[in-house]
Each structure stands twice: as structure tokens, then as C-alpha cells.
N, C-alpha and C. Protein backbone atom coordinates (compact mmCIF):
# COMPACT_ATOMS: atom_id res chain seq x y z
N MET A 1 0.85 -1.17 0.00
CA MET A 1 0.00 0.00 0.00
C MET A 1 0.90 1.23 0.00
N LYS A 2 0.55 2.20 -0.84
CA LYS A 2 1.38 3.39 -1.01
C LYS A 2 0.48 4.64 -0.95
N TYR A 3 0.94 5.65 -0.20
CA TYR A 3 0.18 6.91 -0.12
C TYR A 3 -0.08 7.46 -1.52
N HIS A 4 -1.31 7.93 -1.75
CA HIS A 4 -1.67 8.50 -3.05
C HIS A 4 -2.07 9.96 -2.93
N HIS A 5 -3.03 10.27 -2.04
CA HIS A 5 -3.46 11.65 -1.85
C HIS A 5 -4.28 11.78 -0.57
N THR A 6 -4.53 13.02 -0.20
CA THR A 6 -5.46 13.34 0.88
C THR A 6 -6.57 14.17 0.26
N GLY A 7 -7.81 13.73 0.45
CA GLY A 7 -8.97 14.45 -0.06
C GLY A 7 -9.56 15.31 1.05
N ILE A 8 -9.68 16.60 0.80
CA ILE A 8 -10.20 17.51 1.81
C ILE A 8 -11.46 18.19 1.29
N PRO A 9 -12.59 17.98 1.99
CA PRO A 9 -13.83 18.65 1.58
C PRO A 9 -13.72 20.16 1.73
N THR A 10 -14.34 20.87 0.82
CA THR A 10 -14.37 22.33 0.87
C THR A 10 -15.67 22.82 0.26
N THR A 11 -16.05 24.03 0.60
CA THR A 11 -17.21 24.68 -0.04
C THR A 11 -16.74 25.82 -0.93
N ILE A 12 -15.43 26.04 -0.99
CA ILE A 12 -14.86 27.15 -1.75
C ILE A 12 -14.37 26.65 -3.11
N PRO A 13 -14.85 27.24 -4.21
CA PRO A 13 -14.34 26.84 -5.53
C PRO A 13 -12.82 26.99 -5.59
N GLN A 14 -12.17 26.02 -6.23
CA GLN A 14 -10.72 25.98 -6.33
C GLN A 14 -10.28 26.18 -7.77
N LYS A 15 -9.09 26.71 -7.95
CA LYS A 15 -8.52 26.91 -9.27
C LYS A 15 -8.34 25.55 -9.97
N ASP A 16 -8.73 25.48 -11.22
CA ASP A 16 -8.54 24.30 -12.08
C ASP A 16 -9.28 23.06 -11.60
N GLU A 17 -10.35 23.23 -10.81
CA GLU A 17 -11.10 22.04 -10.40
C GLU A 17 -11.85 21.46 -11.59
N VAL A 18 -12.09 20.16 -11.52
CA VAL A 18 -12.78 19.41 -12.57
C VAL A 18 -14.12 18.96 -12.01
N TYR A 19 -15.16 19.01 -12.86
CA TYR A 19 -16.49 18.58 -12.42
C TYR A 19 -16.75 17.15 -12.85
N LEU A 20 -17.15 16.32 -11.89
CA LEU A 20 -17.54 14.94 -12.17
C LEU A 20 -19.05 14.85 -12.02
N GLU A 21 -19.75 14.93 -13.15
CA GLU A 21 -21.21 15.00 -13.15
C GLU A 21 -21.84 13.80 -12.46
N LYS A 22 -21.28 12.62 -12.66
CA LYS A 22 -21.83 11.39 -12.09
C LYS A 22 -21.99 11.50 -10.56
N TYR A 23 -21.10 12.26 -9.92
CA TYR A 23 -21.10 12.38 -8.46
C TYR A 23 -21.52 13.77 -7.98
N ASP A 24 -21.80 14.70 -8.89
CA ASP A 24 -22.05 16.10 -8.54
C ASP A 24 -20.94 16.59 -7.61
N LEU A 25 -19.71 16.52 -8.14
CA LEU A 25 -18.51 16.77 -7.36
C LEU A 25 -17.49 17.54 -8.19
N HIS A 26 -16.93 18.58 -7.61
CA HIS A 26 -15.81 19.31 -8.21
C HIS A 26 -14.57 18.90 -7.43
N CYS A 27 -13.47 18.60 -8.13
CA CYS A 27 -12.24 18.24 -7.42
C CYS A 27 -11.02 18.76 -8.18
N THR A 28 -9.94 18.93 -7.42
CA THR A 28 -8.68 19.36 -8.01
C THR A 28 -7.80 18.14 -8.24
N ASP A 29 -6.75 18.34 -8.98
CA ASP A 29 -5.77 17.28 -9.24
C ASP A 29 -4.79 17.23 -8.07
N HIS A 30 -4.66 16.08 -7.46
CA HIS A 30 -3.75 15.93 -6.32
C HIS A 30 -2.29 16.15 -6.71
N GLU A 31 -1.99 16.06 -7.99
CA GLU A 31 -0.62 16.27 -8.45
C GLU A 31 -0.30 17.75 -8.69
N SER A 32 -1.27 18.63 -8.45
CA SER A 32 -1.05 20.06 -8.68
C SER A 32 -0.34 20.73 -7.50
N ASN A 33 -0.07 19.97 -6.44
CA ASN A 33 0.67 20.52 -5.30
C ASN A 33 1.60 19.44 -4.76
N SER A 34 2.59 19.86 -4.04
CA SER A 34 3.64 18.93 -3.60
C SER A 34 3.22 18.03 -2.44
N PHE A 35 2.02 18.23 -1.90
CA PHE A 35 1.58 17.43 -0.76
C PHE A 35 0.52 16.40 -1.12
N GLY A 36 0.10 16.37 -2.37
CA GLY A 36 -0.91 15.40 -2.79
C GLY A 36 -2.29 15.68 -2.24
N ILE A 37 -2.64 16.97 -2.09
CA ILE A 37 -3.96 17.33 -1.59
C ILE A 37 -4.93 17.47 -2.76
N GLN A 38 -6.07 16.85 -2.62
CA GLN A 38 -7.15 16.94 -3.61
C GLN A 38 -8.32 17.62 -2.90
N TRP A 39 -8.65 18.83 -3.33
CA TRP A 39 -9.78 19.54 -2.75
C TRP A 39 -11.05 19.02 -3.40
N MET A 40 -12.07 18.74 -2.58
CA MET A 40 -13.30 18.12 -3.03
C MET A 40 -14.49 19.02 -2.64
N ARG A 41 -15.24 19.48 -3.63
CA ARG A 41 -16.41 20.33 -3.38
C ARG A 41 -17.64 19.59 -3.88
N TYR A 42 -18.50 19.21 -2.95
CA TYR A 42 -19.65 18.37 -3.24
C TYR A 42 -20.89 19.22 -3.50
N GLY A 43 -21.65 18.84 -4.54
CA GLY A 43 -22.88 19.53 -4.87
C GLY A 43 -24.06 18.99 -4.06
N THR A 44 -25.18 19.67 -4.15
CA THR A 44 -26.37 19.29 -3.39
C THR A 44 -26.97 17.96 -3.85
N ASN A 45 -26.65 17.53 -5.07
CA ASN A 45 -27.18 16.27 -5.59
C ASN A 45 -26.19 15.11 -5.46
N CYS A 46 -25.11 15.32 -4.74
CA CYS A 46 -24.11 14.26 -4.55
C CYS A 46 -24.72 13.14 -3.70
N THR A 47 -24.54 11.91 -4.15
CA THR A 47 -25.10 10.76 -3.44
C THR A 47 -24.05 9.98 -2.65
N LEU A 48 -22.82 10.48 -2.62
CA LEU A 48 -21.78 9.81 -1.84
C LEU A 48 -22.12 9.94 -0.35
N PRO A 49 -21.69 8.99 0.48
CA PRO A 49 -22.00 9.05 1.91
C PRO A 49 -21.56 10.37 2.55
N LYS A 50 -22.35 10.85 3.50
CA LYS A 50 -22.06 12.13 4.17
C LYS A 50 -20.67 12.15 4.78
N VAL A 51 -20.22 11.04 5.34
CA VAL A 51 -18.89 11.02 5.97
C VAL A 51 -17.80 11.33 4.94
N VAL A 52 -17.98 10.91 3.70
CA VAL A 52 -17.01 11.21 2.65
C VAL A 52 -17.08 12.69 2.28
N GLN A 53 -18.28 13.24 2.30
CA GLN A 53 -18.48 14.65 1.95
C GLN A 53 -18.01 15.60 3.05
N GLU A 54 -17.96 15.13 4.28
CA GLU A 54 -17.69 16.02 5.41
C GLU A 54 -16.36 15.80 6.11
N VAL A 55 -15.73 14.64 5.95
CA VAL A 55 -14.50 14.31 6.66
C VAL A 55 -13.39 14.07 5.64
N ALA A 56 -12.22 14.63 5.90
CA ALA A 56 -11.08 14.40 5.01
C ALA A 56 -10.74 12.91 4.96
N HIS A 57 -10.24 12.47 3.81
CA HIS A 57 -9.85 11.07 3.69
C HIS A 57 -8.42 10.97 3.16
N VAL A 58 -7.78 9.87 3.50
CA VAL A 58 -6.47 9.54 2.96
C VAL A 58 -6.66 8.42 1.95
N ALA A 59 -5.98 8.51 0.82
CA ALA A 59 -6.10 7.50 -0.23
C ALA A 59 -4.77 6.78 -0.41
N PHE A 60 -4.89 5.47 -0.62
CA PHE A 60 -3.72 4.62 -0.82
C PHE A 60 -3.87 3.84 -2.11
N GLN A 61 -2.80 3.77 -2.87
CA GLN A 61 -2.76 2.93 -4.06
C GLN A 61 -2.45 1.51 -3.61
N VAL A 62 -3.24 0.54 -4.09
CA VAL A 62 -3.06 -0.86 -3.73
C VAL A 62 -2.88 -1.69 -4.99
N GLU A 63 -2.24 -2.83 -4.84
CA GLU A 63 -2.04 -3.75 -5.96
C GLU A 63 -3.32 -4.51 -6.29
N ASP A 64 -4.06 -4.89 -5.24
CA ASP A 64 -5.27 -5.72 -5.40
C ASP A 64 -6.35 -5.19 -4.47
N ILE A 65 -7.32 -4.48 -5.03
CA ILE A 65 -8.35 -3.84 -4.21
C ILE A 65 -9.21 -4.86 -3.47
N THR A 66 -9.43 -6.01 -4.08
CA THR A 66 -10.21 -7.06 -3.41
C THR A 66 -9.52 -7.52 -2.15
N GLU A 67 -8.23 -7.72 -2.23
CA GLU A 67 -7.45 -8.13 -1.05
C GLU A 67 -7.42 -7.03 0.00
N ALA A 68 -7.27 -5.79 -0.43
CA ALA A 68 -7.21 -4.66 0.50
C ALA A 68 -8.50 -4.50 1.28
N LEU A 69 -9.62 -4.90 0.70
CA LEU A 69 -10.93 -4.75 1.35
C LEU A 69 -11.27 -5.89 2.31
N LYS A 70 -10.57 -6.98 2.24
CA LYS A 70 -10.88 -8.14 3.08
C LYS A 70 -10.81 -7.77 4.55
N GLY A 71 -11.89 -8.08 5.26
CA GLY A 71 -11.96 -7.83 6.69
C GLY A 71 -12.22 -6.39 7.07
N LYS A 72 -12.46 -5.52 6.09
CA LYS A 72 -12.69 -4.09 6.35
C LYS A 72 -14.17 -3.76 6.26
N GLU A 73 -14.57 -2.67 6.89
CA GLU A 73 -15.94 -2.17 6.78
C GLU A 73 -16.02 -1.32 5.52
N VAL A 74 -16.62 -1.88 4.47
CA VAL A 74 -16.67 -1.20 3.17
C VAL A 74 -17.78 -0.15 3.19
N LEU A 75 -17.40 1.07 2.86
CA LEU A 75 -18.33 2.19 2.80
C LEU A 75 -18.84 2.39 1.38
N ILE A 76 -17.94 2.36 0.41
CA ILE A 76 -18.29 2.47 -1.01
C ILE A 76 -17.66 1.29 -1.72
N GLU A 77 -18.48 0.49 -2.35
CA GLU A 77 -18.02 -0.71 -3.07
C GLU A 77 -17.10 -0.31 -4.23
N PRO A 78 -16.26 -1.22 -4.66
CA PRO A 78 -15.37 -0.93 -5.79
C PRO A 78 -16.15 -0.44 -7.01
N ASN A 79 -15.64 0.62 -7.63
CA ASN A 79 -16.26 1.20 -8.81
C ASN A 79 -15.18 1.91 -9.62
N SER A 80 -15.52 2.30 -10.82
CA SER A 80 -14.54 2.94 -11.70
C SER A 80 -15.02 4.35 -12.06
N PRO A 81 -14.55 5.37 -11.31
CA PRO A 81 -14.96 6.74 -11.60
C PRO A 81 -14.35 7.29 -12.89
N SER A 82 -13.24 6.69 -13.32
CA SER A 82 -12.63 7.07 -14.59
C SER A 82 -11.88 5.86 -15.15
N GLU A 83 -11.64 5.91 -16.44
CA GLU A 83 -11.02 4.78 -17.12
C GLU A 83 -9.65 4.46 -16.53
N GLY A 84 -9.42 3.16 -16.27
CA GLY A 84 -8.11 2.71 -15.83
C GLY A 84 -7.90 2.66 -14.33
N VAL A 85 -8.94 2.96 -13.56
CA VAL A 85 -8.79 2.94 -12.10
C VAL A 85 -10.05 2.39 -11.44
N ILE A 86 -9.85 1.63 -10.38
CA ILE A 86 -10.95 1.15 -9.54
C ILE A 86 -10.71 1.74 -8.16
N VAL A 87 -11.77 2.27 -7.56
CA VAL A 87 -11.66 2.84 -6.22
C VAL A 87 -12.72 2.23 -5.31
N ALA A 88 -12.44 2.26 -4.02
CA ALA A 88 -13.40 1.84 -3.00
C ALA A 88 -13.05 2.60 -1.72
N PHE A 89 -14.02 2.74 -0.84
CA PHE A 89 -13.80 3.40 0.45
C PHE A 89 -14.15 2.44 1.57
N ILE A 90 -13.39 2.54 2.65
CA ILE A 90 -13.69 1.83 3.88
C ILE A 90 -13.84 2.87 4.99
N ILE A 91 -14.31 2.41 6.14
CA ILE A 91 -14.32 3.23 7.36
C ILE A 91 -13.32 2.62 8.32
N GLU A 92 -12.43 3.44 8.84
CA GLU A 92 -11.45 3.00 9.83
C GLU A 92 -11.52 3.95 11.01
N ASN A 93 -12.02 3.47 12.14
CA ASN A 93 -12.19 4.30 13.34
C ASN A 93 -12.96 5.58 13.05
N GLY A 94 -14.01 5.47 12.25
CA GLY A 94 -14.88 6.60 11.94
C GLY A 94 -14.43 7.49 10.80
N ALA A 95 -13.25 7.23 10.23
CA ALA A 95 -12.74 8.06 9.14
C ALA A 95 -12.78 7.29 7.82
N PRO A 96 -13.12 7.98 6.73
CA PRO A 96 -13.10 7.32 5.42
C PRO A 96 -11.66 7.16 4.91
N ILE A 97 -11.38 6.01 4.32
CA ILE A 97 -10.10 5.71 3.70
C ILE A 97 -10.40 5.22 2.29
N GLU A 98 -9.66 5.72 1.32
CA GLU A 98 -9.87 5.33 -0.07
C GLU A 98 -8.75 4.41 -0.52
N PHE A 99 -9.12 3.38 -1.28
CA PHE A 99 -8.15 2.52 -1.95
C PHE A 99 -8.31 2.72 -3.46
N LEU A 100 -7.19 2.78 -4.17
CA LEU A 100 -7.20 2.90 -5.63
C LEU A 100 -6.34 1.78 -6.21
N GLN A 101 -6.87 1.15 -7.24
CA GLN A 101 -6.10 0.16 -7.99
C GLN A 101 -6.09 0.59 -9.44
N TYR A 102 -4.88 0.78 -10.00
CA TYR A 102 -4.76 1.12 -11.42
C TYR A 102 -4.71 -0.15 -12.23
N LEU A 103 -5.44 -0.13 -13.33
CA LEU A 103 -5.53 -1.32 -14.20
C LEU A 103 -4.49 -1.27 -15.30
């Protein structure tokens, strides 16, 4: 498992954010800063769990997302928000954690 980014919820529009219509979510590129921060601005029609919308999350790149999820409390089942990547969220001590697997 390797650190990938930290997602921080915000209500303030950010420079160069991208809109993901499927999730009613605006986000920045985590590679646009040296700390891997991805600012996340959720719209009123976002259906992602409230804990993801309200609490910062840490994301880790994993080799096998199925293995990474074993024994964990899955919050968001594996899905593909963009081509070439599968993501899923778990809850760890009340905080959301994201796993990413690149295909």
C-alpha cells in the first residue's frame, strides 16, 4: 500500500477544479501541489455518503483492491470513476479511507 493523496472537503471553488457529473462533485488534481492534496467540493445532488463529503480522507494505491478490502468495513463498493482505475472506500475508526487500484 502506497500513499496516493489526501482528499479535503471544501465549499470554496478551487482553481482548475474538474467537475464529475456522475457524483455532482468538483475536485482538483492531487498532483497540482507537492503534498498530494485533492480539494473536493460536493454539490447538493451528490449521493456519496455524508462522511465522505464532510471528513477528510487519505487515499492509498493498492495492488489488489479485493485483497485490500478483506476484513474491512466497506463504505463504497469498488467502482470505476474514470477509465483505468478502480476505487473503494472503507471506514477505519470513523474516518473514510480510499483505496485505488490502477488497471
